[in-house]
Amino acid sequence: MNFKNLDFIAQRNKFFMLSGIIIILGIICLSIFGMNLGIDFSKGSRVDIQGDESLSIEKVNATFEKLNMEPSEPIVTSGTNSNVITARFNQAFNKGEVANIQDAIKEEFGIKPSISTVSPQVGRMQAKNAFWAIMISALFIIVYVSIRFEFLQGVAAIVALFHDAFLIIAVFSLFHIEVNIVFIAAVLTIVGYSINDTIVTFDRIREQQRLNKKKKLRTFADFKSITNVGIQQTFRRSINTSLTTTLAVLALLFFGATSIWTFSLALLIGLISGAYSSIFIAAPLWVLMKVRWSRHQGKKKQAQPQTET
């Protein structure tokens, strides 16, 4: 397929509108459903029982009833033959309660369960650290892009990154998927992957600026032209790279271990969104900001008093 005749910038309003609708729907989902925070970011305990054969949820529930404990949500089974059971509790277990649960389950199933407990203080601290990890990575990205290219491209890249991250959060909120440390790792991975895609596109645009150095780029048509050429030169590469990586992530999603399912799903959403935003959000947004900046600089020059000779 020939991409040389495609005018990506001319269709910018359609893509901006699509992203705007997605963001509004995401905000609605967050306000209605909130986030299903795992015990990594809130207080609570998680009990994982993994056996060689299928495990009975009824027997597990009966074991917890004997201990006067009730899971905060329905027990979940996983594994190839339902041999893994996960139960979550709102309270943080102390050492005595952990020992009692392990003894009771080992007596019933002959298996020692894995129990993880997070106090409210630790949960808040981990949530805060996760937030700052994303913010600091975004700051370094905008500094790097500003030095390597220019400040306005750094701003456009960060807007695209937050667009991708918010889309992942919105999907997880809509389907009430648990958010844990693995989720944060996936978001940070997507931040790195998406910015790479955006940098490749901006590099081609910068090359077009150099080729048109003798021509003063000021109008919307000027910036639109060089940006379209830059996108056209990288479009096939971006699609092929994203498609190849997506196939690998799909394999992890359907055939990988249950412990990385959240990571794989977040990666899948982020890969699709990242390929979309680097082409249809970051580049057109830079064109609009660049044109406005050029007009502003032109007005400043005209406003300056001319010195008499």
Protein backbone atom coordinates (compact mmCIF):
# COMPACT_ATOMS: atom_id res chain seq x y z
CA MET A 1 0.00 0.00 0.00
CA ASN A 2 1.24 3.50 -0.92
CA PHE A 3 1.15 5.94 2.00
CA LYS A 4 2.69 8.87 0.12
CA ASN A 5 -0.68 10.36 -0.81
CA LEU A 6 -2.20 10.13 2.67
CA ASP A 7 -2.79 13.49 4.35
CA PHE A 8 -2.58 12.65 8.06
CA ILE A 9 -2.67 16.24 9.30
CA ALA A 10 -5.83 17.09 7.33
CA GLN A 11 -7.67 14.39 9.30
CA ARG A 12 -6.42 15.68 12.67
CA ASN A 13 -9.81 16.90 13.93
CA LYS A 14 -11.33 13.45 13.47
CA PHE A 15 -8.60 11.84 15.55
CA PHE A 16 -8.68 14.60 18.16
CA MET A 17 -12.46 14.10 18.43
CA LEU A 18 -12.03 10.32 18.73
CA SER A 19 -9.46 10.74 21.50
CA GLY A 20 -11.65 13.34 23.21
CA ILE A 21 -14.61 10.94 23.23
CA ILE A 22 -12.39 8.15 24.62
CA ILE A 23 -11.08 10.44 27.38
CA ILE A 24 -14.60 11.60 28.32
CA LEU A 25 -15.83 7.99 28.46
CA GLY A 26 -12.76 7.13 30.53
CA ILE A 27 -13.50 9.90 33.02
CA ILE A 28 -17.09 8.67 33.28
CA CYS A 29 -15.88 5.10 33.91
CA LEU A 30 -13.48 6.28 36.60
CA SER A 31 -16.15 8.38 38.32
CA ILE A 32 -18.65 5.49 38.31
CA PHE A 33 -16.49 2.39 38.79
CA GLY A 34 -13.28 3.81 40.24
CA MET A 35 -10.16 1.64 40.24
CA ASN A 36 -9.98 -1.90 41.54
CA LEU A 37 -6.84 -1.40 43.60
CA GLY A 38 -5.04 -4.59 44.55
CA ILE A 39 -3.48 -5.10 47.93
CA ASP A 40 -0.26 -3.54 46.58
CA PHE A 41 -1.95 -0.12 46.82
CA SER A 42 -4.46 -0.65 49.60
CA LYS A 43 -4.60 -2.59 52.85
CA GLY A 44 -5.50 -6.22 52.65
CA SER A 45 -4.30 -9.78 52.30
CA ARG A 46 -4.16 -12.28 49.49
CA VAL A 47 -4.13 -16.04 49.87
CA ASP A 48 -2.90 -18.14 46.92
CA ILE A 49 -3.34 -21.91 46.95
CA GLN A 50 -1.69 -23.88 44.16
CA GLY A 51 -2.14 -27.62 43.89
CA ASP A 52 -1.33 -30.35 41.41
CA GLU A 53 -5.00 -31.10 40.77
CA SER A 54 -8.26 -29.17 40.58
CA LEU A 55 -9.20 -27.44 43.84
CA SER A 56 -12.72 -27.04 45.23
CA ILE A 57 -13.91 -23.50 45.96
CA GLU A 58 -16.54 -24.92 48.34
CA LYS A 59 -13.87 -26.63 50.46
CA VAL A 60 -11.78 -23.47 50.57
CA ASN A 61 -14.79 -21.40 51.64
CA ALA A 62 -15.60 -23.99 54.29
CA THR A 63 -12.02 -23.78 55.60
CA PHE A 64 -12.27 -19.99 55.91
CA GLU A 65 -15.66 -20.30 57.67
CA LYS A 66 -14.04 -22.51 60.31
CA LEU A 67 -11.54 -19.70 60.91
CA ASN A 68 -14.37 -17.11 61.04
CA MET A 69 -12.92 -15.38 57.99
CA GLU A 70 -14.85 -14.22 54.93
CA PRO A 71 -13.16 -13.18 51.65
CA SER A 72 -13.90 -9.60 50.58
CA GLU A 73 -14.80 -10.79 47.06
CA PRO A 74 -15.61 -14.10 45.38
CA ILE A 75 -12.78 -16.62 45.30
CA VAL A 76 -11.10 -16.85 41.88
CA THR A 77 -9.82 -20.02 40.23
CA SER A 78 -7.14 -20.12 37.55
CA GLY A 79 -4.60 -22.47 36.03
CA THR A 80 -4.97 -25.04 33.27
CA ASN A 81 -7.26 -27.28 35.34
CA SER A 82 -8.44 -24.85 38.04
CA ASN A 83 -5.57 -25.89 40.28
CA VAL A 84 -4.92 -22.35 41.53
CA ILE A 85 -7.25 -20.54 43.94
CA THR A 86 -6.93 -16.90 45.02
CA ALA A 87 -8.83 -15.35 47.93
CA ARG A 88 -8.65 -11.69 48.95
CA PHE A 89 -9.41 -10.12 52.30
CA ASN A 90 -9.80 -6.48 53.30
CA GLN A 91 -7.91 -6.84 56.55
CA ALA A 92 -4.15 -7.12 56.94
CA PHE A 93 -3.40 -10.43 58.70
CA ASN A 94 -1.01 -10.55 61.62
CA LYS A 95 1.53 -13.34 62.09
CA GLY A 96 -0.85 -15.43 64.17
CA GLU A 97 -3.65 -15.25 61.60
CA VAL A 98 -1.23 -16.12 58.79
CA ALA A 99 -0.04 -19.19 60.72
CA ASN A 100 -3.63 -20.30 61.43
CA ILE A 101 -4.64 -20.03 57.76
CA GLN A 102 -1.56 -21.91 56.60
CA ASP A 103 -2.13 -24.70 59.11
CA ALA A 104 -5.85 -25.03 58.27
CA ILE A 105 -5.29 -25.16 54.51
CA LYS A 106 -2.36 -27.53 54.81
CA GLU A 107 -4.50 -29.85 56.95
CA GLU A 108 -7.36 -29.77 54.41
CA PHE A 109 -5.43 -29.86 51.11
CA GLY A 110 -1.91 -30.84 52.06
CA ILE A 111 -0.67 -27.57 50.54
CA LYS A 112 0.98 -24.62 52.24
CA PRO A 113 -0.58 -21.45 50.77
CA SER A 114 1.26 -18.29 49.83
CA ILE A 115 -0.04 -15.32 51.85
CA SER A 116 0.84 -11.69 51.14
CA THR A 117 -0.26 -8.88 53.44
CA VAL A 118 -0.05 -5.12 52.97
CA SER A 119 -0.80 -2.60 55.71
CA PRO A 120 -2.61 0.69 54.91
CA GLN A 121 0.62 2.64 55.39
CA VAL A 122 2.57 0.45 52.97
CA GLY A 123 -0.28 0.58 50.43
CA ARG A 124 -0.34 4.38 50.48
CA MET A 125 3.44 4.53 50.20
CA GLN A 126 3.51 2.19 47.20
CA ALA A 127 0.72 4.14 45.47
CA LYS A 128 2.66 7.36 46.03
CA ASN A 129 5.89 5.81 44.75
CA ALA A 130 4.12 4.50 41.65
CA PHE A 131 2.70 7.97 40.91
CA TRP A 132 6.10 9.63 41.28
CA ALA A 133 7.74 6.96 39.13
CA ILE A 134 5.43 7.84 36.25
CA MET A 135 5.79 11.61 36.81
CA ILE A 136 9.59 11.49 36.98
CA SER A 137 9.82 9.34 33.86
CA ALA A 138 7.55 11.83 32.05
CA LEU A 139 9.76 14.73 33.19
CA PHE A 140 12.94 13.09 31.93
CA ILE A 141 11.25 12.28 28.64
CA ILE A 142 10.20 15.88 28.02
CA VAL A 143 13.72 17.07 28.93
CA TYR A 144 15.31 14.52 26.57
CA VAL A 145 12.98 15.30 23.67
CA SER A 146 13.42 19.04 24.23
CA ILE A 147 17.22 18.70 24.04
CA ARG A 148 17.21 16.21 21.17
CA PHE A 149 14.53 18.00 19.16
CA GLU A 150 12.64 20.99 20.60
CA PHE A 151 10.47 21.87 23.58
CA LEU A 152 7.15 21.86 21.68
CA GLN A 153 7.80 18.34 20.42
CA GLY A 154 8.53 17.31 24.01
CA VAL A 155 5.16 18.71 25.08
CA ALA A 156 3.38 16.90 22.23
CA ALA A 157 5.14 13.64 23.14
CA ILE A 158 4.08 13.90 26.80
CA VAL A 159 0.45 14.61 25.83
CA ALA A 160 0.50 11.46 23.70
CA LEU A 161 2.03 9.45 26.56
CA PHE A 162 -0.60 10.56 29.06
CA HIS A 163 -3.23 9.77 26.42
CA ASP A 164 -1.91 6.18 26.26
CA ALA A 165 -1.62 5.79 30.04
CA PHE A 166 -5.12 7.15 30.62
CA LEU A 167 -6.59 4.76 28.04
CA ILE A 168 -5.08 1.79 29.91
CA ILE A 169 -6.45 3.11 33.22
CA ALA A 170 -9.92 3.65 31.68
CA VAL A 171 -10.10 0.08 30.32
CA PHE A 172 -9.00 -1.38 33.65
CA SER A 173 -11.63 0.74 35.41
CA LEU A 174 -14.40 -0.26 32.97
CA PHE A 175 -13.79 -3.99 33.40
CA HIS A 176 -12.83 -3.69 37.09
CA ILE A 177 -9.48 -5.38 36.54
CA GLU A 178 -7.16 -5.38 39.52
CA VAL A 179 -4.44 -2.71 39.51
CA ASN A 180 -1.21 -3.81 41.13
CA ILE A 181 2.56 -3.35 40.87
CA VAL A 182 2.61 -5.41 37.67
CA PHE A 183 0.19 -2.89 36.15
CA ILE A 184 2.57 -0.02 36.96
CA ALA A 185 5.44 -1.96 35.36
CA ALA A 186 3.33 -2.33 32.21
CA VAL A 187 2.52 1.41 32.11
CA LEU A 188 6.21 2.31 32.46
CA THR A 189 7.06 -0.19 29.71
CA ILE A 190 4.50 1.41 27.41
CA VAL A 191 5.88 4.87 28.23
CA GLY A 192 9.27 3.76 26.93
CA TYR A 193 7.86 1.96 23.90
CA SER A 194 5.49 4.75 22.89
CA ILE A 195 8.09 7.51 23.20
CA ASN A 196 10.40 5.49 20.95
CA ASP A 197 7.70 5.48 18.25
CA THR A 198 7.13 9.22 18.66
CA ILE A 199 10.86 10.02 18.53
CA VAL A 200 11.26 8.12 15.26
CA THR A 201 8.44 10.19 13.74
CA PHE A 202 9.84 13.47 15.08
CA ASP A 203 13.29 12.53 13.75
CA ARG A 204 11.89 12.26 10.23
CA ILE A 205 10.09 15.59 10.67
CA ARG A 206 13.33 17.22 11.83
CA GLU A 207 15.06 15.83 8.75
CA GLN A 208 12.42 17.48 6.59
CA GLN A 209 13.01 20.75 8.42
CA ARG A 210 16.70 20.53 7.54
CA LEU A 211 15.94 19.79 3.89
CA ASN A 212 13.66 22.83 3.80
CA LYS A 213 16.10 25.03 5.74
CA LYS A 214 16.33 27.63 2.95
CA LYS A 215 12.56 27.98 2.96
CA LYS A 216 11.23 29.78 6.00
CA LEU A 217 8.58 27.56 7.55
CA ARG A 218 5.86 29.77 8.96
CA THR A 219 2.41 28.84 7.69
CA PHE A 220 0.20 25.91 8.55
CA ALA A 221 0.68 24.55 5.01
CA ASP A 222 4.47 24.58 5.46
CA PHE A 223 4.45 22.57 8.70
CA LYS A 224 1.65 20.34 7.47
CA SER A 225 3.70 19.41 4.41
CA ILE A 226 6.90 18.42 6.23
CA THR A 227 4.97 16.58 8.96
CA ASN A 228 2.99 14.54 6.46
CA VAL A 229 6.23 13.53 4.72
CA GLY A 230 7.79 12.58 8.06
CA ILE A 231 4.79 10.43 9.02
CA GLN A 232 4.61 8.83 5.58
CA GLN A 233 8.27 7.79 5.86
CA THR A 234 7.74 6.10 9.23
CA PHE A 235 4.15 4.88 8.96
CA ARG A 236 4.92 1.45 7.55
CA ARG A 237 7.74 0.93 10.06
CA SER A 238 5.51 1.96 13.01
CA ILE A 239 2.67 -0.35 11.98
CA ASN A 240 4.92 -3.33 11.31
CA THR A 241 6.83 -2.89 14.59
CA SER A 242 3.64 -2.52 16.62
CA LEU A 243 1.99 -5.48 14.88
CA THR A 244 4.98 -7.76 15.50
CA THR A 245 5.14 -6.80 19.18
CA THR A 246 1.37 -7.15 19.53
CA LEU A 247 1.49 -10.73 18.26
CA ALA A 248 4.09 -11.57 20.92
CA VAL A 249 1.98 -9.92 23.63
CA LEU A 250 -1.12 -11.80 22.46
CA ALA A 251 0.81 -15.05 22.88
CA LEU A 252 1.68 -14.03 26.45
CA LEU A 253 -1.93 -13.01 27.10
CA PHE A 254 -3.46 -16.32 26.02
CA PHE A 255 -0.69 -18.80 26.77
CA GLY A 256 1.40 -17.11 29.45
CA ALA A 257 1.22 -17.59 33.20
CA THR A 258 -1.73 -16.10 35.06
CA SER A 259 0.66 -14.00 37.14
CA ILE A 260 1.55 -11.87 34.08
CA TRP A 261 -1.95 -11.67 32.59
CA THR A 262 -2.50 -8.12 33.90
CA PHE A 263 0.89 -7.07 32.55
CA SER A 264 0.14 -8.56 29.12
CA LEU A 265 -3.31 -6.95 28.88
CA ALA A 266 -1.97 -3.50 29.82
CA LEU A 267 0.83 -3.92 27.28
CA LEU A 268 -1.64 -4.88 24.54
CA ILE A 269 -3.80 -1.80 25.15
CA GLY A 270 -0.75 0.44 25.39
CA LEU A 271 0.84 -0.90 22.19
CA ILE A 272 -2.28 -0.19 20.14
CA SER A 273 -2.77 3.22 21.73
CA GLY A 274 0.94 4.09 21.42
CA ALA A 275 1.05 3.37 17.68
CA TYR A 276 -2.10 5.48 17.24
CA SER A 277 -1.06 8.44 19.41
CA SER A 278 2.47 8.88 18.01
CA ILE A 279 1.07 9.31 14.50
CA PHE A 280 -2.38 10.82 14.98
CA ILE A 281 -1.97 12.81 18.22
CA ALA A 282 1.65 13.84 18.83
CA ALA A 283 2.57 14.93 15.29
CA PRO A 284 -0.65 16.91 14.50
CA LEU A 285 -0.55 18.52 17.95
CA TRP A 286 3.03 19.67 17.31
CA VAL A 287 1.95 21.22 13.99
CA LEU A 288 -0.78 23.26 15.69
CA MET A 289 1.53 24.43 18.49
CA LYS A 290 4.36 25.20 16.06
CA VAL A 291 2.12 27.30 13.81
CA ARG A 292 0.78 29.25 16.77
CA TRP A 293 4.29 29.79 18.10
CA SER A 294 5.55 30.98 14.70
CA ARG A 295 2.67 33.45 14.40
CA HIS A 296 3.36 34.70 17.90
CA GLN A 297 7.04 35.24 17.09
CA GLY A 298 6.10 37.02 13.85
CA LYS A 299 3.78 39.42 15.70
CA LYS A 300 6.52 40.17 18.24
CA LYS A 301 8.95 41.07 15.47
CA GLN A 302 6.39 43.34 13.82
CA ALA A 303 5.66 45.05 17.13
CA GLN A 304 9.34 45.87 17.74
CA PRO A 305 10.18 49.51 16.84
CA GLN A 306 12.39 49.86 13.77
CA THR A 307 15.71 51.63 14.41
CA GLU A 308 16.44 54.60 12.19
CA THR A 309 19.63 54.59 10.13
